[in-house]
Amino acid sequence: MKKGFTLIELLVVVLIIGILSAVALPQYTKAVTKARFAEALTLLKTMKTAKDVCFLETGNSCDFDEMSVEFPNTDRCDAETEYFNFQCFDAWNGAYGPVAGYKKEKVCICYYDEEDVEGQNGTLVLSQCGGGCSEKEPTMDYAKLLNIPEVSEDECGCC
C-alpha cells in the first residue's frame, strides 16, 4: 500500500492556513499603518521643536529653510515622505503647523491649541477630513489606532 495524505486531510490543512491568514492579515495591516504614522509623528514633533526654537530666536514664524534641521524632500515650506505631505506653518484655516497629510486617505495630523494661536504647547491631533489630502475615505479609526485625540475638520483644518 502506498502511504500519503487523503484529499480531506489536505483540505483541512488548507482551511486551517486560510483561517490563520484571515486573522493575521488585518493585524499586519494595522501594524504597517501604525509604523507609517509613527514616522510622521516623529517628524512632526521634530518640526514643532525646530519651529518653536526658530520662533524663540527670531520672533517670527519660520519656513523649513530657516530652521536648523533638515527635512526630507524639502521645498521651502513643504516637505514630503513616501506616505505624507508636510507643511510647516498655519496654512489651513489658521491651524498651527506643522501639518502632515496622509497621501493614501483623507487623514491628517497637526498641532492644534484653540487658546494659543502660535501653537506653543500645542496638542497633537488627528482629523479625518472631508477633502484635500486624498480622494479615498478613511478605512479605519486612526485616532483609536494611534491613541491621539480626533478633532473636526474645522478645528484642525489641515486638509
N, C-alpha and C. Protein backbone atom coordinates (compact mmCIF):
# COMPACT_ATOMS: atom_id res chain seq x y z
N MET A 1 0.82 -1.19 0.00
CA MET A 1 0.00 0.00 0.00
C MET A 1 0.86 1.25 0.00
N LYS A 2 0.46 2.22 -0.78
CA LYS A 2 1.15 3.50 -0.78
C LYS A 2 0.65 4.34 0.38
N LYS A 3 1.59 5.05 1.02
CA LYS A 3 1.21 5.94 2.11
C LYS A 3 1.19 7.36 1.58
N GLY A 4 0.19 8.14 1.99
CA GLY A 4 0.06 9.53 1.55
C GLY A 4 -1.09 10.19 2.27
N PHE A 5 -1.34 11.42 1.89
CA PHE A 5 -2.43 12.18 2.50
C PHE A 5 -3.68 12.03 1.67
N THR A 6 -4.80 12.00 2.34
CA THR A 6 -6.07 11.95 1.61
C THR A 6 -6.47 13.38 1.23
N LEU A 7 -7.43 13.47 0.35
CA LEU A 7 -7.92 14.77 -0.09
C LEU A 7 -8.53 15.55 1.08
N ILE A 8 -9.22 14.87 1.96
CA ILE A 8 -9.84 15.51 3.13
C ILE A 8 -8.76 16.09 4.03
N GLU A 9 -7.69 15.37 4.27
CA GLU A 9 -6.62 15.88 5.12
C GLU A 9 -5.98 17.13 4.51
N LEU A 10 -5.76 17.12 3.22
CA LEU A 10 -5.20 18.29 2.55
C LEU A 10 -6.14 19.48 2.62
N LEU A 11 -7.43 19.24 2.45
CA LEU A 11 -8.40 20.32 2.54
C LEU A 11 -8.46 20.92 3.95
N VAL A 12 -8.35 20.08 4.96
CA VAL A 12 -8.35 20.58 6.35
C VAL A 12 -7.13 21.46 6.59
N VAL A 13 -5.96 21.07 6.09
CA VAL A 13 -4.75 21.87 6.26
C VAL A 13 -4.89 23.21 5.54
N VAL A 14 -5.41 23.20 4.33
CA VAL A 14 -5.61 24.44 3.57
C VAL A 14 -6.61 25.34 4.30
N LEU A 15 -7.67 24.77 4.86
CA LEU A 15 -8.66 25.54 5.61
C LEU A 15 -8.03 26.18 6.84
N ILE A 16 -7.23 25.44 7.56
CA ILE A 16 -6.56 25.99 8.75
C ILE A 16 -5.63 27.13 8.37
N ILE A 17 -4.86 26.98 7.32
CA ILE A 17 -3.97 28.05 6.86
C ILE A 17 -4.79 29.27 6.44
N GLY A 18 -5.90 29.06 5.77
CA GLY A 18 -6.78 30.17 5.36
C GLY A 18 -7.33 30.93 6.55
N ILE A 19 -7.75 30.22 7.59
CA ILE A 19 -8.28 30.86 8.80
C ILE A 19 -7.19 31.65 9.50
N LEU A 20 -6.01 31.07 9.62
CA LEU A 20 -4.90 31.79 10.27
C LEU A 20 -4.52 33.05 9.51
N SER A 21 -4.49 32.97 8.19
CA SER A 21 -4.14 34.17 7.41
C SER A 21 -5.24 35.21 7.48
N ALA A 22 -6.50 34.81 7.56
CA ALA A 22 -7.60 35.76 7.67
C ALA A 22 -7.54 36.52 9.00
N VAL A 23 -7.04 35.88 10.04
CA VAL A 23 -6.88 36.53 11.33
C VAL A 23 -5.63 37.41 11.35
N ALA A 24 -4.57 36.96 10.73
CA ALA A 24 -3.29 37.67 10.80
C ALA A 24 -3.22 38.88 9.88
N LEU A 25 -3.86 38.85 8.73
CA LEU A 25 -3.75 39.94 7.75
C LEU A 25 -4.23 41.29 8.28
N PRO A 26 -5.40 41.38 8.93
CA PRO A 26 -5.80 42.68 9.47
C PRO A 26 -4.84 43.21 10.53
N GLN A 27 -4.31 42.33 11.35
CA GLN A 27 -3.35 42.76 12.37
C GLN A 27 -2.06 43.26 11.72
N TYR A 28 -1.65 42.62 10.65
CA TYR A 28 -0.46 43.05 9.92
C TYR A 28 -0.70 44.42 9.30
N THR A 29 -1.88 44.62 8.72
CA THR A 29 -2.22 45.91 8.12
C THR A 29 -2.20 47.03 9.15
N LYS A 30 -2.75 46.76 10.33
CA LYS A 30 -2.73 47.77 11.40
C LYS A 30 -1.30 48.08 11.83
N ALA A 31 -0.46 47.06 11.95
CA ALA A 31 0.92 47.27 12.36
C ALA A 31 1.69 48.10 11.33
N VAL A 32 1.47 47.84 10.06
CA VAL A 32 2.14 48.60 9.00
C VAL A 32 1.67 50.06 9.02
N THR A 33 0.38 50.27 9.17
CA THR A 33 -0.17 51.63 9.22
C THR A 33 0.36 52.38 10.43
N LYS A 34 0.40 51.71 11.56
CA LYS A 34 0.92 52.34 12.78
C LYS A 34 2.38 52.74 12.60
N ALA A 35 3.16 51.91 11.93
CA ALA A 35 4.57 52.23 11.69
C ALA A 35 4.71 53.44 10.76
N ARG A 36 3.87 53.52 9.74
CA ARG A 36 3.90 54.68 8.83
C ARG A 36 3.59 55.97 9.59
N PHE A 37 2.57 55.92 10.43
CA PHE A 37 2.19 57.11 11.19
C PHE A 37 3.21 57.43 12.27
N ALA A 38 3.89 56.42 12.80
CA ALA A 38 4.94 56.69 13.79
C ALA A 38 6.05 57.53 13.18
N GLU A 39 6.39 57.26 11.93
CA GLU A 39 7.39 58.07 11.23
C GLU A 39 6.91 59.52 11.12
N ALA A 40 5.64 59.69 10.75
CA ALA A 40 5.09 61.04 10.60
C ALA A 40 5.03 61.76 11.94
N LEU A 41 4.62 61.06 13.00
CA LEU A 41 4.54 61.68 14.32
C LEU A 41 5.91 62.13 14.80
N THR A 42 6.92 61.32 14.57
CA THR A 42 8.28 61.68 14.96
C THR A 42 8.75 62.91 14.21
N LEU A 43 8.49 62.94 12.90
CA LEU A 43 8.90 64.08 12.09
C LEU A 43 8.13 65.34 12.48
N LEU A 44 6.84 65.19 12.79
CA LEU A 44 6.04 66.34 13.23
C LEU A 44 6.58 66.93 14.54
N LYS A 45 6.93 66.05 15.47
CA LYS A 45 7.47 66.54 16.75
C LYS A 45 8.80 67.25 16.55
N THR A 46 9.63 66.72 15.64
CA THR A 46 10.90 67.38 15.33
C THR A 46 10.65 68.74 14.70
N MET A 47 9.69 68.79 13.77
CA MET A 47 9.36 70.06 13.12
C MET A 47 8.84 71.08 14.12
N LYS A 48 7.97 70.63 15.02
CA LYS A 48 7.41 71.56 16.01
C LYS A 48 8.51 72.11 16.90
N THR A 49 9.41 71.25 17.35
CA THR A 49 10.51 71.70 18.19
C THR A 49 11.40 72.68 17.44
N ALA A 50 11.75 72.35 16.20
CA ALA A 50 12.59 73.26 15.40
C ALA A 50 11.88 74.58 15.14
N LYS A 51 10.58 74.51 14.89
CA LYS A 51 9.80 75.72 14.64
C LYS A 51 9.73 76.59 15.90
N ASP A 52 9.53 75.95 17.05
CA ASP A 52 9.48 76.70 18.31
C ASP A 52 10.82 77.36 18.61
N VAL A 53 11.92 76.64 18.37
CA VAL A 53 13.26 77.21 18.60
C VAL A 53 13.48 78.40 17.67
N CYS A 54 13.12 78.23 16.41
CA CYS A 54 13.28 79.32 15.43
C CYS A 54 12.43 80.52 15.82
N PHE A 55 11.21 80.26 16.29
CA PHE A 55 10.33 81.35 16.72
C PHE A 55 10.93 82.09 17.91
N LEU A 56 11.52 81.35 18.84
CA LEU A 56 12.15 81.99 20.01
C LEU A 56 13.37 82.80 19.61
N GLU A 57 14.12 82.30 18.62
CA GLU A 57 15.33 83.01 18.18
C GLU A 57 15.01 84.25 17.36
N THR A 58 14.00 84.16 16.48
CA THR A 58 13.74 85.25 15.54
C THR A 58 12.52 86.09 15.88
N GLY A 59 11.58 85.51 16.63
CA GLY A 59 10.34 86.21 16.92
C GLY A 59 9.32 86.11 15.80
N ASN A 60 9.64 85.36 14.73
CA ASN A 60 8.76 85.19 13.58
C ASN A 60 8.50 83.72 13.31
N SER A 61 7.44 83.44 12.55
CA SER A 61 7.19 82.09 12.09
C SER A 61 8.23 81.75 11.02
N CYS A 62 8.75 80.52 11.03
CA CYS A 62 9.88 80.16 10.16
C CYS A 62 9.48 79.11 9.13
N ASP A 63 10.07 79.21 7.93
CA ASP A 63 9.94 78.19 6.91
C ASP A 63 10.99 77.10 7.18
N PHE A 64 10.86 75.97 6.46
CA PHE A 64 11.80 74.87 6.64
C PHE A 64 13.24 75.31 6.41
N ASP A 65 13.45 76.13 5.38
CA ASP A 65 14.82 76.51 5.04
C ASP A 65 15.44 77.46 6.07
N GLU A 66 14.64 78.01 6.96
CA GLU A 66 15.16 78.89 8.00
C GLU A 66 15.48 78.14 9.30
N MET A 67 15.06 76.88 9.39
CA MET A 67 15.27 76.10 10.61
C MET A 67 16.62 75.41 10.57
N SER A 68 17.10 75.05 11.73
CA SER A 68 18.43 74.43 11.82
C SER A 68 18.36 72.91 11.70
N VAL A 69 17.28 72.38 11.15
CA VAL A 69 17.09 70.94 10.98
C VAL A 69 16.77 70.69 9.50
N GLU A 70 17.27 69.58 8.96
CA GLU A 70 16.96 69.25 7.57
C GLU A 70 15.80 68.26 7.52
N PHE A 71 14.91 68.47 6.56
CA PHE A 71 13.75 67.63 6.39
C PHE A 71 13.79 66.97 5.02
N PRO A 72 13.15 65.79 4.87
CA PRO A 72 13.21 65.07 3.59
C PRO A 72 12.47 65.80 2.48
N ASN A 73 13.05 65.81 1.29
CA ASN A 73 12.42 66.38 0.09
C ASN A 73 11.82 67.76 0.35
N THR A 74 12.61 68.63 0.93
CA THR A 74 12.11 69.94 1.33
C THR A 74 12.12 70.93 0.17
N ASP A 75 11.01 71.63 0.03
CA ASP A 75 10.92 72.72 -0.93
C ASP A 75 10.28 73.90 -0.21
N ARG A 76 11.10 74.78 0.29
CA ARG A 76 10.70 75.95 1.06
C ARG A 76 9.83 75.55 2.25
N CYS A 77 8.52 75.63 2.15
CA CYS A 77 7.69 75.32 3.31
C CYS A 77 6.90 74.03 3.14
N ASP A 78 7.32 73.18 2.25
CA ASP A 78 6.69 71.88 2.07
C ASP A 78 7.76 70.81 2.20
N ALA A 79 7.42 69.71 2.83
CA ALA A 79 8.31 68.55 2.90
C ALA A 79 7.46 67.33 2.56
N GLU A 80 8.13 66.27 2.13
CA GLU A 80 7.40 65.11 1.65
C GLU A 80 8.16 63.84 1.97
N THR A 81 7.41 62.81 2.40
CA THR A 81 7.95 61.46 2.52
C THR A 81 7.10 60.58 1.60
N GLU A 82 7.35 59.31 1.64
CA GLU A 82 6.62 58.41 0.74
C GLU A 82 5.11 58.42 1.01
N TYR A 83 4.71 58.56 2.26
CA TYR A 83 3.30 58.46 2.62
C TYR A 83 2.67 59.75 3.10
N PHE A 84 3.46 60.80 3.34
CA PHE A 84 2.92 62.03 3.92
C PHE A 84 3.44 63.27 3.21
N ASN A 85 2.58 64.30 3.19
CA ASN A 85 2.97 65.65 2.79
C ASN A 85 2.96 66.50 4.05
N PHE A 86 3.98 67.30 4.24
CA PHE A 86 4.10 68.14 5.43
C PHE A 86 4.08 69.61 5.04
N GLN A 87 3.50 70.43 5.90
CA GLN A 87 3.61 71.87 5.78
C GLN A 87 4.08 72.40 7.13
N CYS A 88 4.85 73.48 7.08
CA CYS A 88 5.50 73.92 8.32
C CYS A 88 4.78 75.05 9.02
N PHE A 89 3.74 75.62 8.45
CA PHE A 89 3.10 76.74 9.14
C PHE A 89 1.59 76.63 9.05
N ASP A 90 0.91 77.59 9.64
CA ASP A 90 -0.54 77.57 9.71
C ASP A 90 -1.13 77.86 8.33
N ALA A 91 -1.10 76.84 7.49
CA ALA A 91 -1.52 77.00 6.09
C ALA A 91 -3.02 76.80 5.93
N TRP A 92 -3.63 76.00 6.79
CA TRP A 92 -5.05 75.68 6.61
C TRP A 92 -5.86 76.20 7.78
N ASN A 93 -6.78 77.07 7.51
CA ASN A 93 -7.76 77.55 8.50
C ASN A 93 -7.14 78.03 9.80
N GLY A 94 -5.94 78.55 9.77
CA GLY A 94 -5.33 79.09 10.96
C GLY A 94 -4.80 78.05 11.93
N ALA A 95 -4.83 76.77 11.57
CA ALA A 95 -4.30 75.74 12.46
C ALA A 95 -2.78 75.86 12.51
N TYR A 96 -2.23 75.71 13.68
CA TYR A 96 -0.78 75.82 13.82
C TYR A 96 -0.13 74.64 13.13
N GLY A 97 0.92 74.89 12.38
CA GLY A 97 1.69 73.82 11.76
C GLY A 97 2.75 73.37 12.72
N PRO A 98 3.43 72.34 12.47
CA PRO A 98 3.43 71.58 11.23
C PRO A 98 2.22 70.67 11.09
N VAL A 99 1.93 70.35 9.85
CA VAL A 99 0.78 69.54 9.49
C VAL A 99 1.25 68.41 8.58
N ALA A 100 0.73 67.20 8.82
CA ALA A 100 1.06 66.05 7.97
C ALA A 100 -0.22 65.50 7.36
N GLY A 101 -0.31 65.48 6.04
CA GLY A 101 -1.45 64.91 5.34
C GLY A 101 -1.09 63.55 4.78
N TYR A 102 -1.88 62.54 5.12
CA TYR A 102 -1.65 61.17 4.65
C TYR A 102 -2.02 61.10 3.18
N LYS A 103 -1.12 60.64 2.33
CA LYS A 103 -1.34 60.62 0.89
C LYS A 103 -2.36 59.58 0.46
N LYS A 104 -2.54 58.52 1.23
CA LYS A 104 -3.39 57.42 0.79
C LYS A 104 -4.87 57.61 1.14
N GLU A 105 -5.16 58.37 2.21
CA GLU A 105 -6.55 58.55 2.63
C GLU A 105 -6.75 59.97 3.16
N LYS A 106 -8.00 60.34 3.37
CA LYS A 106 -8.35 61.67 3.86
C LYS A 106 -8.11 61.75 5.37
N VAL A 107 -6.86 61.77 5.75
CA VAL A 107 -6.48 61.82 7.16
C VAL A 107 -5.28 62.75 7.28
N CYS A 108 -5.27 63.57 8.32
CA CYS A 108 -4.09 64.40 8.57
C CYS A 108 -3.88 64.56 10.07
N ILE A 109 -2.67 64.91 10.41
CA ILE A 109 -2.27 65.11 11.80
C ILE A 109 -1.68 66.50 11.90
N CYS A 110 -2.02 67.22 12.96
CA CYS A 110 -1.45 68.54 13.14
C CYS A 110 -1.39 68.89 14.62
N TYR A 111 -0.68 69.97 14.91
CA TYR A 111 -0.69 70.52 16.26
C TYR A 111 -1.79 71.55 16.32
N TYR A 112 -2.61 71.47 17.35
CA TYR A 112 -3.73 72.38 17.48
C TYR A 112 -3.89 72.75 18.94
N ASP A 113 -4.04 74.03 19.18
CA ASP A 113 -4.34 74.51 20.52
C ASP A 113 -5.25 75.71 20.37
N GLU A 114 -6.49 75.53 20.72
CA GLU A 114 -7.52 76.53 20.50
C GLU A 114 -7.17 77.87 21.15
N GLU A 115 -6.55 77.83 22.33
CA GLU A 115 -6.31 79.06 23.06
C GLU A 115 -4.97 79.71 22.72
N ASP A 116 -4.12 79.02 22.02
CA ASP A 116 -2.80 79.56 21.74
C ASP A 116 -2.57 79.58 20.23
N VAL A 117 -2.72 80.75 19.63
CA VAL A 117 -2.63 80.89 18.18
C VAL A 117 -1.25 80.49 17.67
N GLU A 118 -0.21 80.79 18.41
CA GLU A 118 1.15 80.47 17.97
C GLU A 118 1.49 79.00 18.15
N GLY A 119 0.63 78.24 18.80
CA GLY A 119 0.83 76.81 18.90
C GLY A 119 1.81 76.37 19.96
N GLN A 120 2.30 77.28 20.79
CA GLN A 120 3.19 76.88 21.87
C GLN A 120 2.43 75.93 22.78
N ASN A 121 3.08 74.83 23.15
CA ASN A 121 2.46 73.79 23.97
C ASN A 121 1.19 73.24 23.32
N GLY A 122 1.19 73.16 22.00
CA GLY A 122 0.03 72.67 21.28
C GLY A 122 -0.17 71.18 21.48
N THR A 123 -1.32 70.71 21.06
CA THR A 123 -1.69 69.31 21.20
C THR A 123 -1.67 68.65 19.83
N LEU A 124 -1.12 67.47 19.75
CA LEU A 124 -1.11 66.70 18.51
C LEU A 124 -2.49 66.07 18.34
N VAL A 125 -3.15 66.37 17.21
CA VAL A 125 -4.50 65.85 16.97
C VAL A 125 -4.60 65.27 15.57
N LEU A 126 -5.65 64.49 15.36
CA LEU A 126 -5.90 63.86 14.07
C LEU A 126 -7.23 64.35 13.55
N SER A 127 -7.31 64.55 12.24
CA SER A 127 -8.55 64.96 11.60
C SER A 127 -8.80 64.04 10.41
N GLN A 128 -9.96 63.38 10.41
CA GLN A 128 -10.36 62.58 9.26
C GLN A 128 -11.22 63.49 8.41
N CYS A 129 -10.55 64.22 7.54
CA CYS A 129 -11.14 65.37 6.88
C CYS A 129 -11.91 65.01 5.63
N GLY A 130 -12.67 65.97 5.17
CA GLY A 130 -13.56 65.75 4.04
C GLY A 130 -12.92 65.91 2.69
N GLY A 131 -11.73 66.43 2.58
CA GLY A 131 -11.14 66.60 1.27
C GLY A 131 -9.76 67.19 1.32
N GLY A 132 -9.03 67.05 0.25
CA GLY A 132 -7.74 67.69 0.13
C GLY A 132 -6.55 66.78 0.28
N CYS A 133 -6.53 65.89 1.23
CA CYS A 133 -5.37 65.01 1.43
C CYS A 133 -5.34 63.91 0.38
N SER A 134 -6.48 63.33 0.12
CA SER A 134 -6.59 62.21 -0.81
C SER A 134 -8.05 62.10 -1.23
N GLU A 135 -8.32 61.29 -2.19
CA GLU A 135 -9.70 61.06 -2.62
C GLU A 135 -10.35 59.93 -1.84
N LYS A 136 -9.54 59.08 -1.22
CA LYS A 136 -10.04 57.87 -0.56
C LYS A 136 -10.47 58.17 0.88
N GLU A 137 -11.64 57.68 1.23
CA GLU A 137 -12.16 57.84 2.59
C GLU A 137 -11.34 56.97 3.56
N PRO A 138 -11.24 57.38 4.83
CA PRO A 138 -10.50 56.58 5.82
C PRO A 138 -11.08 55.18 5.97
N THR A 139 -10.21 54.19 6.03
CA THR A 139 -10.64 52.80 6.13
C THR A 139 -10.62 52.27 7.55
N MET A 140 -10.06 53.02 8.48
CA MET A 140 -10.03 52.58 9.87
C MET A 140 -10.10 53.79 10.79
N ASP A 141 -10.29 53.53 12.07
CA ASP A 141 -10.34 54.61 13.06
C ASP A 141 -8.90 54.94 13.47
N TYR A 142 -8.31 55.92 12.78
CA TYR A 142 -6.91 56.26 13.00
C TYR A 142 -6.67 56.86 14.38
N ALA A 143 -7.62 57.61 14.90
CA ALA A 143 -7.46 58.21 16.23
C ALA A 143 -7.32 57.12 17.29
N LYS A 144 -8.14 56.11 17.18
CA LYS A 144 -8.07 54.98 18.12
C LYS A 144 -6.78 54.18 17.92
N LEU A 145 -6.42 53.94 16.66
CA LEU A 145 -5.22 53.18 16.35
C LEU A 145 -3.97 53.86 16.89
N LEU A 146 -3.90 55.19 16.74
CA LEU A 146 -2.71 55.95 17.14
C LEU A 146 -2.79 56.50 18.56
N ASN A 147 -3.97 56.38 19.16
CA ASN A 147 -4.19 56.86 20.53
C ASN A 147 -3.91 58.36 20.66
N ILE A 148 -4.46 59.13 19.71
CA ILE A 148 -4.39 60.59 19.79
C ILE A 148 -5.79 61.14 19.59
N PRO A 149 -6.09 62.31 20.13
CA PRO A 149 -7.45 62.85 20.02
C PRO A 149 -7.81 63.22 18.58
N GLU A 150 -9.09 63.11 18.28
CA GLU A 150 -9.59 63.48 16.95
C GLU A 150 -10.39 64.76 17.07
N VAL A 151 -10.20 65.65 16.12
CA VAL A 151 -10.96 66.89 16.08
C VAL A 151 -11.70 66.97 14.74
N SER A 152 -12.65 67.86 14.67
CA SER A 152 -13.36 68.03 13.41
C SER A 152 -12.45 68.70 12.39
N GLU A 153 -12.85 68.64 11.14
CA GLU A 153 -12.05 69.24 10.07
C GLU A 153 -11.91 70.74 10.28
N ASP A 154 -12.96 71.38 10.80
CA ASP A 154 -12.93 72.83 11.00
C ASP A 154 -11.93 73.24 12.08
N GLU A 155 -11.78 72.41 13.12
CA GLU A 155 -10.87 72.74 14.20
C GLU A 155 -9.40 72.62 13.78
N CYS A 156 -9.08 71.51 13.12
CA CYS A 156 -7.70 71.31 12.70
C CYS A 156 -7.49 71.92 11.33
N GLY A 157 -8.40 71.66 10.43
CA GLY A 157 -8.36 72.27 9.12
C GLY A 157 -7.12 71.95 8.32
N CYS A 158 -6.53 70.79 8.54
CA CYS A 158 -5.25 70.53 7.91
C CYS A 158 -5.35 69.81 6.58
N CYS A 159 -6.52 69.62 6.07
CA CYS A 159 -6.62 69.06 4.73
C CYS A 159 -7.09 70.15 3.81
